[in-house]
Amino acid sequence: MTERMGLIACEICYAEEQDIFVKKLQLPDGASVKVALQKACLGHLIAGIEAGVLKIGTYSKPRILGDVIAAGDRIEIYRPLRADPKLVRKCKVEKQRTENPDRWIRR
């Protein structure tokens, strides 16, 4: 990471249903997460973050829009889960049990 003239390097990641958006940025030292989103042309997501629909974090640690970015941070934007992972696994096992009942017999 190069720091010059009060600039810090950071990265923004956002996964849509079909695409993954990753952009590297050079921002002034002391810039907030909100400034980074605006500079990355992701300002349209700010309303969703403020409404609590989308979440943001840095390396999986929750952040808010006003947090200051450190050099080398990767800002991640999280979408809500479409399904409960535990329920999906349970349904998958139930399906496997009906399709192949012999597999589940203890011997």
N, C-alpha and C. Protein backbone atom coordinates (compact mmCIF):
# COMPACT_ATOMS: atom_id res chain seq x y z
N MET A 1 0.83 -1.16 0.00
CA MET A 1 0.00 0.00 0.00
C MET A 1 0.89 1.24 0.00
N THR A 2 0.59 2.13 -0.87
CA THR A 2 1.38 3.34 -0.92
C THR A 2 0.60 4.49 -0.30
N GLU A 3 1.27 5.23 0.57
CA GLU A 3 0.67 6.41 1.15
C GLU A 3 1.49 7.60 0.68
N ARG A 4 0.80 8.54 0.02
CA ARG A 4 1.51 9.72 -0.44
C ARG A 4 0.60 10.93 -0.31
N MET A 5 1.14 12.02 0.13
CA MET A 5 0.42 13.29 0.20
C MET A 5 -0.91 13.16 0.93
N GLY A 6 -0.96 12.40 2.02
CA GLY A 6 -2.18 12.27 2.80
C GLY A 6 -3.25 11.40 2.18
N LEU A 7 -2.89 10.56 1.20
CA LEU A 7 -3.86 9.65 0.59
C LEU A 7 -3.68 8.25 1.17
N ILE A 8 -4.79 7.55 1.32
CA ILE A 8 -4.74 6.17 1.77
C ILE A 8 -5.41 5.28 0.72
N ALA A 9 -4.92 4.06 0.62
CA ALA A 9 -5.50 3.09 -0.33
C ALA A 9 -6.52 2.24 0.42
N CYS A 10 -7.66 2.02 -0.22
CA CYS A 10 -8.66 1.11 0.34
C CYS A 10 -9.38 0.43 -0.81
N GLU A 11 -10.27 -0.48 -0.47
CA GLU A 11 -10.98 -1.27 -1.48
C GLU A 11 -12.43 -1.40 -1.03
N ILE A 12 -13.35 -1.36 -2.00
CA ILE A 12 -14.77 -1.55 -1.72
C ILE A 12 -15.24 -2.80 -2.46
N CYS A 13 -15.97 -3.67 -1.75
CA CYS A 13 -16.49 -4.91 -2.33
C CYS A 13 -18.00 -4.96 -2.13
N TYR A 14 -18.70 -5.33 -3.21
CA TYR A 14 -20.15 -5.49 -3.13
C TYR A 14 -20.55 -6.60 -4.09
N ALA A 15 -21.30 -7.56 -3.59
CA ALA A 15 -21.74 -8.68 -4.43
C ALA A 15 -23.23 -8.54 -4.70
N GLU A 16 -23.57 -8.39 -5.97
CA GLU A 16 -24.97 -8.41 -6.37
C GLU A 16 -25.31 -9.86 -6.70
N GLU A 17 -26.53 -10.11 -7.12
CA GLU A 17 -26.92 -11.50 -7.38
C GLU A 17 -26.09 -12.14 -8.49
N GLN A 18 -25.72 -11.39 -9.50
CA GLN A 18 -24.99 -11.96 -10.63
C GLN A 18 -23.57 -11.42 -10.77
N ASP A 19 -23.26 -10.29 -10.17
CA ASP A 19 -21.96 -9.65 -10.36
C ASP A 19 -21.28 -9.38 -9.02
N ILE A 20 -19.97 -9.25 -9.09
CA ILE A 20 -19.19 -8.84 -7.93
C ILE A 20 -18.48 -7.54 -8.30
N PHE A 21 -18.64 -6.53 -7.45
CA PHE A 21 -18.04 -5.23 -7.68
C PHE A 21 -16.88 -5.07 -6.70
N VAL A 22 -15.69 -4.85 -7.23
CA VAL A 22 -14.51 -4.59 -6.40
C VAL A 22 -13.80 -3.39 -7.01
N LYS A 23 -13.57 -2.37 -6.19
CA LYS A 23 -12.91 -1.17 -6.70
C LYS A 23 -11.88 -0.70 -5.69
N LYS A 24 -10.68 -0.43 -6.19
CA LYS A 24 -9.62 0.12 -5.35
C LYS A 24 -9.68 1.64 -5.45
N LEU A 25 -9.51 2.29 -4.30
CA LEU A 25 -9.62 3.74 -4.24
C LEU A 25 -8.42 4.35 -3.53
N GLN A 26 -8.15 5.59 -3.87
CA GLN A 26 -7.20 6.43 -3.14
C GLN A 26 -8.04 7.55 -2.53
N LEU A 27 -8.09 7.62 -1.22
CA LEU A 27 -8.91 8.61 -0.53
C LEU A 27 -8.05 9.45 0.39
N PRO A 28 -8.53 10.67 0.69
CA PRO A 28 -7.77 11.49 1.63
C PRO A 28 -7.77 10.86 3.02
N ASP A 29 -6.69 11.05 3.73
CA ASP A 29 -6.59 10.53 5.09
C ASP A 29 -7.72 11.10 5.93
N GLY A 30 -8.41 10.25 6.69
CA GLY A 30 -9.52 10.69 7.51
C GLY A 30 -10.88 10.61 6.82
N ALA A 31 -10.92 10.05 5.61
CA ALA A 31 -12.18 9.92 4.88
C ALA A 31 -13.08 8.89 5.55
N SER A 32 -14.38 9.11 5.44
CA SER A 32 -15.35 8.19 6.05
C SER A 32 -15.77 7.11 5.06
N VAL A 33 -16.47 6.12 5.58
CA VAL A 33 -17.01 5.05 4.74
C VAL A 33 -17.98 5.64 3.72
N LYS A 34 -18.77 6.62 4.14
CA LYS A 34 -19.75 7.25 3.25
C LYS A 34 -19.05 7.93 2.06
N VAL A 35 -17.95 8.61 2.32
CA VAL A 35 -17.18 9.26 1.25
C VAL A 35 -16.65 8.22 0.28
N ALA A 36 -16.19 7.09 0.80
CA ALA A 36 -15.67 6.02 -0.06
C ALA A 36 -16.77 5.48 -0.97
N LEU A 37 -17.97 5.28 -0.43
CA LEU A 37 -19.08 4.79 -1.25
C LEU A 37 -19.43 5.78 -2.35
N GLN A 38 -19.44 7.06 -2.02
CA GLN A 38 -19.75 8.08 -3.02
C GLN A 38 -18.67 8.12 -4.10
N LYS A 39 -17.42 8.03 -3.70
CA LYS A 39 -16.33 8.07 -4.68
C LYS A 39 -16.33 6.83 -5.57
N ALA A 40 -16.81 5.69 -5.06
CA ALA A 40 -16.86 4.45 -5.84
C ALA A 40 -18.12 4.35 -6.68
N CYS A 41 -18.89 5.43 -6.74
CA CYS A 41 -20.15 5.46 -7.50
C CYS A 41 -21.17 4.47 -6.94
N LEU A 42 -21.14 4.25 -5.64
CA LEU A 42 -22.11 3.39 -4.98
C LEU A 42 -22.99 4.19 -4.02
N GLY A 43 -23.11 5.48 -4.29
CA GLY A 43 -23.92 6.36 -3.45
C GLY A 43 -25.37 5.93 -3.37
N HIS A 44 -25.85 5.24 -4.40
CA HIS A 44 -27.24 4.78 -4.39
C HIS A 44 -27.50 3.73 -3.31
N LEU A 45 -26.46 3.13 -2.76
CA LEU A 45 -26.62 2.13 -1.71
C LEU A 45 -26.72 2.74 -0.31
N ILE A 46 -26.37 4.02 -0.19
CA ILE A 46 -26.36 4.67 1.12
C ILE A 46 -27.73 4.65 1.77
N ALA A 47 -28.78 4.89 0.98
CA ALA A 47 -30.15 4.88 1.53
C ALA A 47 -30.48 3.51 2.13
N GLY A 48 -30.07 2.44 1.46
CA GLY A 48 -30.31 1.10 1.98
C GLY A 48 -29.55 0.82 3.25
N ILE A 49 -28.35 1.36 3.35
CA ILE A 49 -27.54 1.19 4.56
C ILE A 49 -28.17 1.96 5.72
N GLU A 50 -28.59 3.21 5.44
CA GLU A 50 -29.22 4.01 6.49
C GLU A 50 -30.54 3.40 6.94
N ALA A 51 -31.26 2.74 6.03
CA ALA A 51 -32.54 2.12 6.38
C ALA A 51 -32.35 0.77 7.08
N GLY A 52 -31.14 0.26 7.11
CA GLY A 52 -30.87 -1.00 7.77
C GLY A 52 -31.08 -2.23 6.90
N VAL A 53 -31.37 -2.01 5.61
CA VAL A 53 -31.56 -3.14 4.69
C VAL A 53 -30.20 -3.75 4.35
N LEU A 54 -29.22 -2.91 4.07
CA LEU A 54 -27.86 -3.36 3.78
C LEU A 54 -26.98 -3.08 4.99
N LYS A 55 -25.96 -3.88 5.17
CA LYS A 55 -25.00 -3.69 6.25
C LYS A 55 -23.63 -3.44 5.64
N ILE A 56 -22.75 -2.79 6.39
CA ILE A 56 -21.38 -2.58 5.94
C ILE A 56 -20.42 -3.05 7.02
N GLY A 57 -19.22 -3.40 6.57
CA GLY A 57 -18.20 -3.84 7.50
C GLY A 57 -16.83 -3.74 6.87
N THR A 58 -15.83 -3.93 7.70
CA THR A 58 -14.45 -3.99 7.25
C THR A 58 -13.88 -5.31 7.74
N TYR A 59 -13.53 -6.17 6.80
CA TYR A 59 -13.05 -7.51 7.14
C TYR A 59 -14.01 -8.20 8.12
N SER A 60 -15.29 -8.17 7.81
CA SER A 60 -16.38 -8.81 8.57
C SER A 60 -16.71 -8.15 9.90
N LYS A 61 -16.08 -7.06 10.24
CA LYS A 61 -16.41 -6.34 11.47
C LYS A 61 -17.38 -5.21 11.12
N PRO A 62 -18.52 -5.15 11.81
CA PRO A 62 -19.54 -4.14 11.48
C PRO A 62 -19.00 -2.72 11.58
N ARG A 63 -19.42 -1.88 10.65
CA ARG A 63 -19.04 -0.46 10.61
C ARG A 63 -20.29 0.37 10.38
N ILE A 64 -20.17 1.68 10.56
CA ILE A 64 -21.24 2.61 10.21
C ILE A 64 -20.69 3.61 9.20
N LEU A 65 -21.59 4.36 8.56
CA LEU A 65 -21.17 5.25 7.48
C LEU A 65 -20.19 6.32 7.93
N GLY A 66 -20.25 6.73 9.18
CA GLY A 66 -19.38 7.79 9.66
C GLY A 66 -18.00 7.34 10.10
N ASP A 67 -17.74 6.04 10.13
CA ASP A 67 -16.44 5.53 10.56
C ASP A 67 -15.34 5.97 9.60
N VAL A 68 -14.18 6.25 10.17
CA VAL A 68 -13.01 6.67 9.38
C VAL A 68 -12.31 5.43 8.84
N ILE A 69 -11.88 5.52 7.59
CA ILE A 69 -11.20 4.41 6.92
C ILE A 69 -9.71 4.46 7.23
N ALA A 70 -9.13 3.31 7.48
CA ALA A 70 -7.69 3.20 7.67
C ALA A 70 -7.06 2.70 6.37
N ALA A 71 -5.77 2.92 6.23
CA ALA A 71 -5.06 2.47 5.03
C ALA A 71 -5.16 0.95 4.92
N GLY A 72 -5.51 0.47 3.74
CA GLY A 72 -5.59 -0.95 3.47
C GLY A 72 -6.92 -1.59 3.82
N ASP A 73 -7.88 -0.81 4.31
CA ASP A 73 -9.19 -1.38 4.65
C ASP A 73 -9.91 -1.88 3.41
N ARG A 74 -10.67 -2.96 3.59
CA ARG A 74 -11.57 -3.46 2.55
C ARG A 74 -12.99 -3.27 3.09
N ILE A 75 -13.72 -2.35 2.50
CA ILE A 75 -15.09 -2.06 2.93
C ILE A 75 -16.00 -3.03 2.20
N GLU A 76 -16.79 -3.77 2.96
CA GLU A 76 -17.68 -4.78 2.38
C GLU A 76 -19.12 -4.35 2.61
N ILE A 77 -19.94 -4.49 1.58
CA ILE A 77 -21.36 -4.18 1.68
C ILE A 77 -22.10 -5.51 1.63
N TYR A 78 -22.91 -5.75 2.66
CA TYR A 78 -23.59 -7.04 2.80
C TYR A 78 -25.07 -6.92 2.47
N ARG A 79 -25.55 -7.81 1.62
CA ARG A 79 -26.99 -7.89 1.31
C ARG A 79 -27.65 -8.81 2.33
N PRO A 80 -28.96 -8.68 2.51
CA PRO A 80 -29.63 -9.62 3.42
C PRO A 80 -29.64 -11.02 2.83
N LEU A 81 -29.66 -12.02 3.71
CA LEU A 81 -29.72 -13.41 3.25
C LEU A 81 -31.09 -13.68 2.64
N ARG A 82 -31.11 -14.44 1.57
CA ARG A 82 -32.38 -14.79 0.93
C ARG A 82 -33.04 -15.97 1.63
N ALA A 83 -32.27 -16.79 2.29
CA ALA A 83 -32.82 -17.95 2.99
C ALA A 83 -31.97 -18.23 4.23
N ASP A 84 -32.59 -18.82 5.22
CA ASP A 84 -31.89 -19.20 6.44
C ASP A 84 -30.99 -20.40 6.13
N PRO A 85 -29.67 -20.27 6.28
CA PRO A 85 -28.76 -21.37 5.93
C PRO A 85 -29.06 -22.67 6.68
N LYS A 86 -29.45 -22.56 7.94
CA LYS A 86 -29.76 -23.76 8.73
C LYS A 86 -30.97 -24.49 8.14
N LEU A 87 -31.98 -23.74 7.75
CA LEU A 87 -33.18 -24.34 7.16
C LEU A 87 -32.88 -24.97 5.80
N VAL A 88 -32.01 -24.33 5.02
CA VAL A 88 -31.63 -24.88 3.71
C VAL A 88 -30.93 -26.22 3.88
N ARG A 89 -29.99 -26.30 4.84
CA ARG A 89 -29.30 -27.57 5.10
C ARG A 89 -30.27 -28.65 5.56
N LYS A 90 -31.20 -28.27 6.42
CA LYS A 90 -32.19 -29.24 6.92
C LYS A 90 -33.04 -29.79 5.78
N CYS A 91 -33.50 -28.92 4.88
CA CYS A 91 -34.31 -29.36 3.73
C CYS A 91 -33.50 -30.27 2.80
N LYS A 92 -32.22 -29.95 2.63
CA LYS A 92 -31.36 -30.75 1.77
C LYS A 92 -31.21 -32.17 2.33
N VAL A 93 -31.00 -32.28 3.63
CA VAL A 93 -30.86 -33.59 4.27
C VAL A 93 -32.16 -34.37 4.17
N GLU A 94 -33.28 -33.71 4.40
CA GLU A 94 -34.57 -34.40 4.30
C GLU A 94 -34.80 -34.94 2.89
N LYS A 95 -34.42 -34.16 1.90
CA LYS A 95 -34.56 -34.60 0.50
C LYS A 95 -33.67 -35.82 0.24
N GLN A 96 -32.42 -35.77 0.72
CA GLN A 96 -31.51 -36.90 0.53
C GLN A 96 -32.02 -38.15 1.24
N ARG A 97 -32.63 -37.97 2.39
CA ARG A 97 -33.16 -39.12 3.13
C ARG A 97 -34.31 -39.79 2.39
N THR A 98 -35.15 -39.00 1.72
CA THR A 98 -36.27 -39.59 0.97
C THR A 98 -35.79 -40.22 -0.33
N GLU A 99 -34.77 -39.64 -0.95
CA GLU A 99 -34.27 -40.17 -2.23
C GLU A 99 -33.42 -41.42 -2.03
N ASN A 100 -32.70 -41.51 -0.94
CA ASN A 100 -31.79 -42.64 -0.70
C ASN A 100 -31.90 -43.07 0.76
N PRO A 101 -32.99 -43.74 1.13
CA PRO A 101 -33.19 -44.09 2.55
C PRO A 101 -32.18 -45.10 3.08
N ASP A 102 -31.60 -45.94 2.23
CA ASP A 102 -30.63 -46.94 2.70
C ASP A 102 -29.36 -46.29 3.26
N ARG A 103 -29.05 -45.13 2.80
CA ARG A 103 -27.84 -44.44 3.24
C ARG A 103 -27.94 -44.07 4.73
N TRP A 104 -29.13 -43.89 5.22
CA TRP A 104 -29.32 -43.39 6.57
C TRP A 104 -29.56 -44.50 7.61
N ILE A 105 -29.46 -45.75 7.19
CA ILE A 105 -29.66 -46.87 8.12
C ILE A 105 -28.35 -47.14 8.85
N ARG A 106 -28.43 -47.21 10.17
CA ARG A 106 -27.23 -47.53 10.97
C ARG A 106 -27.00 -49.02 10.94
N ARG A 107 -25.77 -49.41 10.76
CA ARG A 107 -25.44 -50.84 10.68
C ARG A 107 -24.49 -51.23 11.75
